[in-house]
Amino acid sequence: MKIYGWRIGFVCLLLGLLLTGCGSDTAVTQTNEMQGTITVSGAWALYPMMVRWSEEFQAIYPDVEFNISAGGAGKGMADALSNAVDIGMVSRAIYPEEEANGAFWVSVTKDAVFLTLNAQNPVAEALRQQGISRETLVGIFITGEVTTWGQVIGQPDVTDPIHVYTRSDAAGAPATWAEYLGKKQEDLLGVGVYGDPGLLDAVIKDPLGIGYNNLNYAFDMDSGLPVAGAWVPPLDVNENGRADAAELYDSKEQAIQAVLDGTYPSPPARELNLVTNGQPTGLVQAFLTWILNDGQAYLEESGYVALSAERVTAELQKLD
């Protein structure tokens, strides 16, 4: 009986060593298979997060290279569907006709588009007290009936003109902002400026300017405050004629909290998506799966809003 027991122990030990060795070989094999280049283009809103994700993924799989460029959600969708890139970053809802043309997508995070003004706006003090209503914004960006800052605050003696800026490129931010106002991007009035950084720069250079920007462009990444020279005014969401505490967006933290608790309307809050031409496979599928698993841990510190656990599970199931 003792010999039999010894043999059993020896066999178990041998099997344990073999299994351990197999596990190591498998890990090495999987790591070695993670190689190649992933190309990405599209939404400015997702660009900073995609760069962060790529860096973290490369730290695990150093043989994977990335080529990432921003250029607007429209470019991301077009590039993905034409196979010019592996992944398109799209910061708006996916249209039925895009799905019909082969667009496969997963939502990976949330953010929002915020109104941006120059920090030296002549009626900033009044705006901080009363906020800006959606109706007023429709008059500024859609109908053109609101043309002075005095009209915005109900003081006709203030005749400073409103200088409206919008995006010249097909992108998620203007599409989402227009949707909030009940229209489409092509209906937005204003001087067209390319890209999120360009639009913000135009407003910063013009004390009478008004525009809109993605969360991570309106607020400074380091301080969490609005970018120097810019101001994010309160929206009078409940239209009670005053800016309530929940409608103030003086910091990125406040802005994110408003998106999280739903006090900031959706739109212009929205989900951000990654698009491929058809169901992804291989390296691209592995990267998207990683984003929805380990990659979610980097969202908050990067200024993005995480999806609910239920939504993440649903998106992962789409990748199976």
Protein backbone atom coordinates (compact mmCIF):
# COMPACT_ATOMS: atom_id res chain seq x y z
CA MET A 1 0.00 0.00 0.00
CA LYS A 2 2.85 2.35 0.76
CA ILE A 3 4.47 1.72 -2.64
CA TYR A 4 1.14 2.29 -4.36
CA GLY A 5 0.67 5.56 -2.48
CA TRP A 6 4.18 6.67 -3.41
CA ARG A 7 3.49 5.92 -7.06
CA ILE A 8 0.27 7.91 -6.95
CA GLY A 9 2.12 10.85 -5.38
CA PHE A 10 4.88 10.65 -7.99
CA VAL A 11 2.37 10.55 -10.83
CA CYS A 12 0.50 13.56 -9.40
CA LEU A 13 3.76 15.49 -9.03
CA LEU A 14 4.75 14.61 -12.59
CA LEU A 15 1.36 15.64 -13.92
CA GLY A 16 1.58 18.88 -11.96
CA LEU A 17 4.94 19.70 -13.49
CA LEU A 18 3.70 18.84 -16.96
CA LEU A 19 0.59 20.97 -16.55
CA THR A 20 2.65 23.86 -15.20
CA GLY A 21 4.93 23.60 -18.18
CA CYS A 22 1.97 23.48 -20.55
CA GLY A 23 0.53 26.61 -18.95
CA SER A 24 3.78 28.51 -19.50
CA ASP A 25 4.05 27.34 -23.10
CA THR A 26 0.47 28.43 -23.73
CA ALA A 27 1.08 31.88 -22.25
CA VAL A 28 4.21 32.33 -24.35
CA THR A 29 2.36 31.17 -27.45
CA GLN A 30 -0.51 33.56 -26.80
CA THR A 31 1.89 36.43 -26.22
CA ASN A 32 3.80 35.63 -29.39
CA GLU A 33 0.57 35.54 -31.38
CA MET A 34 -0.23 39.10 -30.23
CA GLN A 35 1.70 40.87 -32.92
CA GLY A 36 0.93 43.10 -35.84
CA THR A 37 -0.33 46.64 -36.42
CA ILE A 38 -3.74 48.06 -35.56
CA THR A 39 -4.78 51.19 -37.47
CA VAL A 40 -7.35 53.56 -35.98
CA SER A 41 -8.89 56.87 -37.08
CA GLY A 42 -11.87 59.04 -36.25
CA ALA A 43 -13.46 60.97 -33.42
CA TRP A 44 -11.47 63.59 -31.55
CA ALA A 45 -13.51 62.67 -28.46
CA LEU A 46 -12.04 59.17 -28.32
CA TYR A 47 -8.54 60.02 -29.51
CA PRO A 48 -6.93 60.69 -26.08
CA MET A 49 -8.46 57.53 -24.61
CA MET A 50 -7.45 55.41 -27.58
CA VAL A 51 -3.86 56.59 -27.21
CA ARG A 52 -3.92 55.60 -23.54
CA TRP A 53 -5.43 52.20 -24.32
CA SER A 54 -2.83 51.54 -26.99
CA GLU A 55 0.00 52.35 -24.59
CA GLU A 56 -1.35 50.02 -21.92
CA PHE A 57 -1.97 47.23 -24.44
CA GLN A 58 1.55 47.60 -25.85
CA ALA A 59 2.99 47.31 -22.36
CA ILE A 60 1.48 43.82 -22.22
CA TYR A 61 2.03 42.91 -25.88
CA PRO A 62 5.13 44.80 -27.09
CA ASP A 63 4.94 43.25 -30.57
CA VAL A 64 1.69 45.09 -31.30
CA GLU A 65 2.02 48.46 -33.05
CA PHE A 66 -0.62 51.18 -33.37
CA ASN A 67 -1.23 53.90 -35.94
CA ILE A 68 -3.85 56.29 -34.50
CA SER A 69 -5.13 59.54 -36.02
CA ALA A 70 -7.99 61.92 -35.24
CA GLY A 71 -10.15 63.50 -37.90
CA GLY A 72 -13.77 63.33 -36.80
CA ALA A 73 -16.36 60.59 -36.46
CA GLY A 74 -17.31 60.83 -40.13
CA LYS A 75 -13.77 60.03 -41.18
CA GLY A 76 -13.58 57.18 -38.69
CA MET A 77 -16.73 55.60 -40.08
CA ALA A 78 -15.70 56.08 -43.70
CA ASP A 79 -12.20 54.73 -43.07
CA ALA A 80 -13.52 51.66 -41.26
CA LEU A 81 -16.10 50.78 -43.91
CA SER A 82 -13.55 51.22 -46.71
CA ASN A 83 -10.97 49.11 -44.83
CA ALA A 84 -8.59 52.07 -44.76
CA VAL A 85 -8.25 51.38 -41.02
CA ASP A 86 -9.02 48.47 -38.73
CA ILE A 87 -11.05 50.51 -36.23
CA GLY A 88 -13.05 53.71 -36.61
CA MET A 89 -13.71 55.94 -33.59
CA VAL A 90 -17.30 57.22 -33.79
CA SER A 91 -18.65 59.60 -31.16
CA ARG A 92 -22.30 59.46 -32.15
CA ALA A 93 -25.06 56.94 -32.73
CA ILE A 94 -24.51 54.49 -35.57
CA TYR A 95 -26.96 55.10 -38.41
CA PRO A 96 -29.07 52.23 -39.83
CA GLU A 97 -27.61 52.74 -43.30
CA GLU A 98 -24.10 52.35 -41.85
CA GLU A 99 -25.05 49.07 -40.22
CA ALA A 100 -26.56 47.98 -43.55
CA ASN A 101 -23.19 48.70 -45.18
CA GLY A 102 -21.38 46.40 -42.76
CA ALA A 103 -20.63 48.58 -39.74
CA PHE A 104 -20.09 46.48 -36.61
CA TRP A 105 -19.72 48.46 -33.42
CA VAL A 106 -19.27 48.27 -29.69
CA SER A 107 -19.77 51.07 -27.17
CA VAL A 108 -16.71 51.50 -24.97
CA THR A 109 -17.29 54.60 -22.80
CA LYS A 110 -19.38 57.74 -22.35
CA ASP A 111 -18.69 61.45 -22.43
CA ALA A 112 -20.55 64.62 -23.41
CA VAL A 113 -20.38 67.75 -25.52
CA PHE A 114 -20.35 71.01 -23.53
CA LEU A 115 -21.06 74.59 -24.48
CA THR A 116 -17.88 76.69 -24.47
CA LEU A 117 -17.53 80.45 -24.19
CA ASN A 118 -14.61 82.81 -23.87
CA ALA A 119 -13.62 83.36 -20.24
CA GLN A 120 -13.95 87.13 -20.82
CA ASN A 121 -17.52 86.93 -22.09
CA PRO A 122 -19.18 90.32 -21.38
CA VAL A 123 -22.25 88.78 -19.69
CA ALA A 124 -20.49 85.93 -17.89
CA GLU A 125 -21.67 87.00 -14.43
CA ALA A 126 -25.33 87.04 -15.47
CA LEU A 127 -24.98 83.74 -17.31
CA ARG A 128 -23.50 82.11 -14.25
CA GLN A 129 -26.61 83.09 -12.30
CA GLN A 130 -29.26 82.11 -14.83
CA GLY A 131 -27.61 79.64 -17.20
CA ILE A 132 -28.53 79.22 -20.86
CA SER A 133 -31.69 77.40 -21.89
CA ARG A 134 -32.02 74.98 -24.78
CA GLU A 135 -34.52 77.37 -26.40
CA THR A 136 -31.94 80.15 -26.38
CA LEU A 137 -29.32 77.84 -27.88
CA VAL A 138 -31.74 76.93 -30.68
CA GLY A 139 -32.04 80.66 -31.37
CA ILE A 140 -28.26 80.99 -31.52
CA PHE A 141 -27.20 77.86 -33.40
CA ILE A 142 -30.28 76.96 -35.50
CA THR A 143 -32.66 79.82 -36.31
CA GLY A 144 -30.27 82.74 -35.89
CA GLU A 145 -32.94 84.73 -34.07
CA VAL A 146 -30.71 85.33 -31.04
CA THR A 147 -27.86 87.53 -32.22
CA THR A 148 -26.71 89.55 -29.19
CA TRP A 149 -25.55 88.63 -25.71
CA GLY A 150 -28.17 91.02 -24.35
CA GLN A 151 -30.91 88.81 -25.81
CA VAL A 152 -29.39 85.81 -24.02
CA ILE A 153 -29.67 87.42 -20.58
CA GLY A 154 -32.82 89.46 -21.22
CA GLN A 155 -31.10 92.86 -21.27
CA PRO A 156 -31.72 94.50 -24.67
CA ASP A 157 -29.42 97.41 -23.84
CA VAL A 158 -26.46 94.98 -24.10
CA THR A 159 -25.76 94.91 -27.83
CA ASP A 160 -22.55 92.89 -28.03
CA PRO A 161 -22.98 90.51 -30.99
CA ILE A 162 -22.70 86.74 -30.62
CA HIS A 163 -19.97 85.20 -32.76
CA VAL A 164 -21.00 81.61 -33.45
CA TYR A 165 -18.43 78.92 -34.24
CA THR A 166 -19.13 75.36 -35.31
CA ARG A 167 -17.24 72.40 -36.77
CA SER A 168 -16.40 72.27 -40.46
CA ASP A 169 -15.66 68.53 -40.40
CA ALA A 170 -18.25 65.73 -40.24
CA ALA A 171 -17.92 64.71 -36.61
CA GLY A 172 -19.69 63.30 -33.60
CA ALA A 173 -19.59 66.47 -31.49
CA PRO A 174 -21.53 68.68 -33.94
CA ALA A 175 -23.91 65.82 -34.78
CA THR A 176 -24.61 65.30 -31.08
CA TRP A 177 -24.92 69.03 -30.37
CA ALA A 178 -27.33 69.43 -33.28
CA GLU A 179 -29.35 66.43 -32.08
CA TYR A 180 -29.70 68.12 -28.68
CA LEU A 181 -31.14 71.12 -30.52
CA GLY A 182 -33.48 68.94 -32.59
CA LYS A 183 -31.58 69.17 -35.87
CA LYS A 184 -28.64 67.73 -37.82
CA GLN A 185 -25.05 68.95 -38.14
CA GLU A 186 -25.70 70.65 -41.47
CA ASP A 187 -28.34 72.83 -39.78
CA LEU A 188 -25.87 74.40 -37.35
CA LEU A 189 -25.04 78.05 -37.98
CA GLY A 190 -21.62 79.59 -37.47
CA VAL A 191 -18.13 79.93 -38.83
CA GLY A 192 -16.83 76.45 -39.59
CA VAL A 193 -13.59 75.45 -37.87
CA TYR A 194 -11.80 72.13 -38.27
CA GLY A 195 -11.48 69.80 -35.29
CA ASP A 196 -12.08 70.01 -31.56
CA PRO A 197 -8.83 71.89 -30.82
CA GLY A 198 -9.47 74.36 -33.63
CA LEU A 199 -12.99 75.16 -32.46
CA LEU A 200 -11.86 75.72 -28.89
CA ASP A 201 -9.00 77.92 -30.06
CA ALA A 202 -11.40 80.09 -32.07
CA VAL A 203 -13.57 80.67 -28.99
CA ILE A 204 -10.55 81.38 -26.77
CA LYS A 205 -9.40 84.08 -29.21
CA ASP A 206 -12.81 85.77 -29.39
CA PRO A 207 -14.40 87.31 -26.24
CA LEU A 208 -17.78 87.26 -28.02
CA GLY A 209 -17.40 83.70 -29.27
CA ILE A 210 -19.57 80.67 -28.58
CA GLY A 211 -18.94 77.05 -29.52
CA TYR A 212 -19.08 73.52 -28.16
CA ASN A 213 -16.44 70.95 -27.31
CA ASN A 214 -16.01 67.41 -26.14
CA LEU A 215 -15.47 67.00 -22.40
CA ASN A 216 -11.75 66.29 -22.61
CA TYR A 217 -11.07 69.32 -24.78
CA ALA A 218 -13.17 71.78 -22.79
CA PHE A 219 -11.41 70.85 -19.54
CA ASP A 220 -7.68 70.75 -18.83
CA MET A 221 -6.37 67.22 -18.33
CA ASP A 222 -4.09 68.20 -15.43
CA SER A 223 -6.03 70.79 -13.44
CA GLY A 224 -9.52 69.52 -14.23
CA LEU A 225 -10.60 73.14 -14.76
CA PRO A 226 -11.78 74.66 -18.04
CA VAL A 227 -8.91 75.17 -20.47
CA ALA A 228 -7.22 78.55 -19.94
CA GLY A 229 -9.17 81.27 -21.74
CA ALA A 230 -12.35 79.18 -21.99
CA TRP A 231 -15.42 78.84 -19.80
CA VAL A 232 -18.11 76.16 -19.64
CA PRO A 233 -21.35 77.96 -18.69
CA PRO A 234 -24.28 76.27 -16.93
CA LEU A 235 -27.18 74.92 -18.96
CA ASP A 236 -30.58 75.76 -17.54
CA VAL A 237 -31.71 72.17 -18.06
CA ASN A 238 -34.92 72.42 -16.05
CA GLU A 239 -35.63 75.87 -17.52
CA ASN A 240 -36.45 77.49 -14.20
CA GLY A 241 -34.58 80.67 -15.13
CA ARG A 242 -31.61 80.08 -12.85
CA ALA A 243 -28.51 77.92 -12.72
CA ASP A 244 -28.98 75.30 -10.02
CA ALA A 245 -26.00 73.68 -8.31
CA ALA A 246 -26.34 70.52 -10.42
CA GLU A 247 -26.18 72.64 -13.58
CA LEU A 248 -22.77 74.16 -12.82
CA TYR A 249 -19.79 72.69 -14.68
CA ASP A 250 -16.88 74.56 -13.12
CA SER A 251 -14.64 71.49 -13.14
CA LYS A 252 -14.29 68.23 -15.00
CA GLU A 253 -15.34 66.43 -11.82
CA GLN A 254 -18.64 68.33 -11.74
CA ALA A 255 -19.19 67.75 -15.44
CA ILE A 256 -18.59 64.00 -15.18
CA GLN A 257 -20.86 63.75 -12.15
CA ALA A 258 -23.64 65.48 -14.09
CA VAL A 259 -23.27 62.93 -16.89
CA LEU A 260 -23.16 60.04 -14.41
CA ASP A 261 -26.27 61.01 -12.47
CA GLY A 262 -28.22 62.01 -15.56
CA THR A 263 -28.71 65.68 -14.67
CA TYR A 264 -26.81 66.56 -17.85
CA PRO A 265 -29.10 65.76 -20.79
CA SER A 266 -28.46 63.00 -23.30
CA PRO A 267 -27.79 64.22 -25.93
CA PRO A 268 -25.40 66.02 -25.64
CA ALA A 269 -24.15 63.28 -23.33
CA ARG A 270 -23.53 60.20 -25.48
CA GLU A 271 -21.80 56.85 -25.77
CA LEU A 272 -18.56 56.57 -27.72
CA ASN A 273 -18.19 53.68 -30.13
CA LEU A 274 -15.54 51.70 -31.96
CA VAL A 275 -16.49 50.49 -35.43
CA THR A 276 -15.11 47.77 -37.71
CA ASN A 277 -16.12 46.58 -41.15
CA GLY A 278 -17.92 43.41 -40.17
CA GLN A 279 -17.35 41.23 -37.11
CA PRO A 280 -13.75 41.70 -35.92
CA THR A 281 -11.39 38.76 -35.61
CA GLY A 282 -7.85 38.04 -34.47
CA LEU A 283 -5.80 40.90 -33.06
CA VAL A 284 -8.53 43.53 -33.46
CA GLN A 285 -11.06 41.36 -31.65
CA ALA A 286 -8.55 40.71 -28.87
CA PHE A 287 -7.88 44.44 -28.48
CA LEU A 288 -11.57 45.35 -28.35
CA THR A 289 -12.18 42.61 -25.79
CA TRP A 290 -9.31 43.94 -23.67
CA ILE A 291 -10.76 47.48 -23.85
CA LEU A 292 -14.09 46.24 -22.47
CA ASN A 293 -12.35 44.27 -19.73
CA ASP A 294 -9.06 45.60 -18.34
CA GLY A 295 -9.21 48.80 -20.39
CA GLN A 296 -12.21 50.11 -18.44
CA ALA A 297 -9.93 50.67 -15.44
CA TYR A 298 -8.25 53.64 -17.17
CA LEU A 299 -11.40 55.60 -18.01
CA GLU A 300 -11.98 57.61 -14.84
CA GLU A 301 -8.41 58.84 -14.47
CA SER A 302 -8.47 59.84 -18.14
CA GLY A 303 -11.64 61.90 -17.74
CA TYR A 304 -14.17 59.52 -19.27
CA VAL A 305 -17.33 57.93 -17.91
CA ALA A 306 -17.44 54.14 -17.58
CA LEU A 307 -20.30 52.07 -18.95
CA SER A 308 -22.46 50.14 -16.52
CA ALA A 309 -21.41 46.56 -15.78
CA GLU A 310 -24.53 45.34 -17.56
CA ARG A 311 -23.70 47.35 -20.67
CA VAL A 312 -20.11 46.10 -20.72
CA THR A 313 -21.37 42.51 -20.56
CA ALA A 314 -23.74 43.15 -23.45
CA GLU A 315 -20.97 44.68 -25.56
CA LEU A 316 -18.62 41.76 -24.83
CA GLN A 317 -21.29 39.32 -25.95
CA LYS A 318 -21.36 41.05 -29.32
CA LEU A 319 -17.67 40.20 -29.73
CA ASP A 320 -18.10 36.46 -29.03
